[in-house]
Amino acid sequence: MPTPNQIFRRQEQVSISATDLLNMKIPGSVTQEGIRKNLVIGLNYMEGWLRAVGCAPINNLMEDAATAEVSRSQV
């Protein structure tokens, strides 16, 4: 298990600016398979949320609202 010093260690060699955070040019392309995966994750999580379950088993992983939000933003 990592120590607190390992978790919060700054990476001085990495420099990220506001422009980097706003950059929408992502390498690769949109695929039908990727869209389908994101939709499955979002719909499965919403189904669990409507049943008042905090997380949902999707693709052998326990996914939560953060995963659903990432999938939504990618679509």
Protein backbone atom coordinates (compact mmCIF):
# COMPACT_ATOMS: atom_id res chain seq x y z
CA MET A 1 0.00 0.00 0.00
CA PRO A 2 1.42 3.42 -0.93
CA THR A 3 2.43 5.83 1.79
CA PRO A 4 0.96 9.37 1.93
CA ASN A 5 4.25 10.73 0.57
CA GLN A 6 3.93 8.49 -2.49
CA ILE A 7 0.33 9.50 -3.11
CA PHE A 8 0.82 13.25 -2.86
CA ARG A 9 4.22 13.47 -4.53
CA ARG A 10 4.43 16.31 -7.02
CA GLN A 11 5.67 15.55 -10.48
CA GLU A 12 7.86 18.58 -11.17
CA GLN A 13 8.74 17.40 -14.69
CA VAL A 14 5.05 17.59 -15.71
CA SER A 15 3.79 21.03 -16.68
CA ILE A 16 0.07 21.48 -17.38
CA SER A 17 -1.45 24.83 -18.28
CA ALA A 18 -5.04 26.07 -18.54
CA THR A 19 -4.74 25.75 -22.32
CA ASP A 20 -3.87 22.06 -21.92
CA LEU A 21 -7.00 21.48 -19.81
CA LEU A 22 -9.20 23.14 -22.44
CA ASN A 23 -7.65 21.33 -25.41
CA MET A 24 -10.37 19.30 -27.17
CA LYS A 25 -8.02 17.75 -29.76
CA ILE A 26 -7.69 14.17 -28.57
CA PRO A 27 -5.73 11.67 -30.65
CA GLY A 28 -7.71 8.82 -32.16
CA SER A 29 -11.20 8.71 -33.55
CA VAL A 30 -14.76 8.11 -32.43
CA THR A 31 -15.85 4.53 -33.03
CA GLN A 32 -19.23 2.86 -32.95
CA GLU A 33 -17.87 0.36 -30.41
CA GLY A 34 -16.77 3.18 -28.10
CA ILE A 35 -20.16 4.91 -28.34
CA ARG A 36 -21.93 1.62 -27.58
CA LYS A 37 -19.74 0.95 -24.53
CA ASN A 38 -20.36 4.44 -23.17
CA LEU A 39 -24.11 4.08 -23.70
CA VAL A 40 -24.18 0.68 -21.98
CA ILE A 41 -22.30 2.07 -18.98
CA GLY A 42 -24.55 5.13 -18.72
CA LEU A 43 -27.79 3.19 -19.09
CA ASN A 44 -26.75 0.47 -16.65
CA TYR A 45 -25.71 3.03 -14.06
CA MET A 46 -28.99 4.97 -14.48
CA GLU A 47 -30.94 1.73 -14.05
CA GLY A 48 -29.11 1.10 -10.76
CA TRP A 49 -29.61 4.70 -9.66
CA LEU A 50 -33.37 4.43 -10.27
CA ARG A 51 -33.36 1.33 -8.04
CA ALA A 52 -31.55 3.39 -5.34
CA VAL A 53 -28.27 1.47 -5.70
CA GLY A 54 -25.11 3.54 -5.39
CA CYS A 55 -23.07 1.54 -7.87
CA ALA A 56 -23.65 -0.97 -10.64
CA PRO A 57 -21.73 -4.05 -11.83
CA ILE A 58 -20.79 -3.29 -15.44
CA ASN A 59 -18.27 -5.33 -17.45
CA ASN A 60 -17.13 -7.17 -14.29
CA LEU A 61 -16.35 -3.87 -12.51
CA MET A 62 -18.26 -1.92 -9.88
CA GLU A 63 -18.98 1.41 -11.54
CA ASP A 64 -20.32 4.55 -9.91
CA ALA A 65 -21.44 8.07 -10.80
CA ALA A 66 -17.93 9.13 -11.83
CA THR A 67 -17.75 6.43 -14.49
CA ALA A 68 -21.22 7.30 -15.74
CA GLU A 69 -20.19 10.98 -15.96
CA VAL A 70 -17.04 10.15 -17.93
CA SER A 71 -19.08 8.00 -20.31
CA ARG A 72 -21.68 10.76 -20.70
CA SER A 73 -19.05 13.37 -21.46
CA GLN A 74 -17.40 11.14 -24.07
CA VAL A 75 -20.68 10.69 -25.91
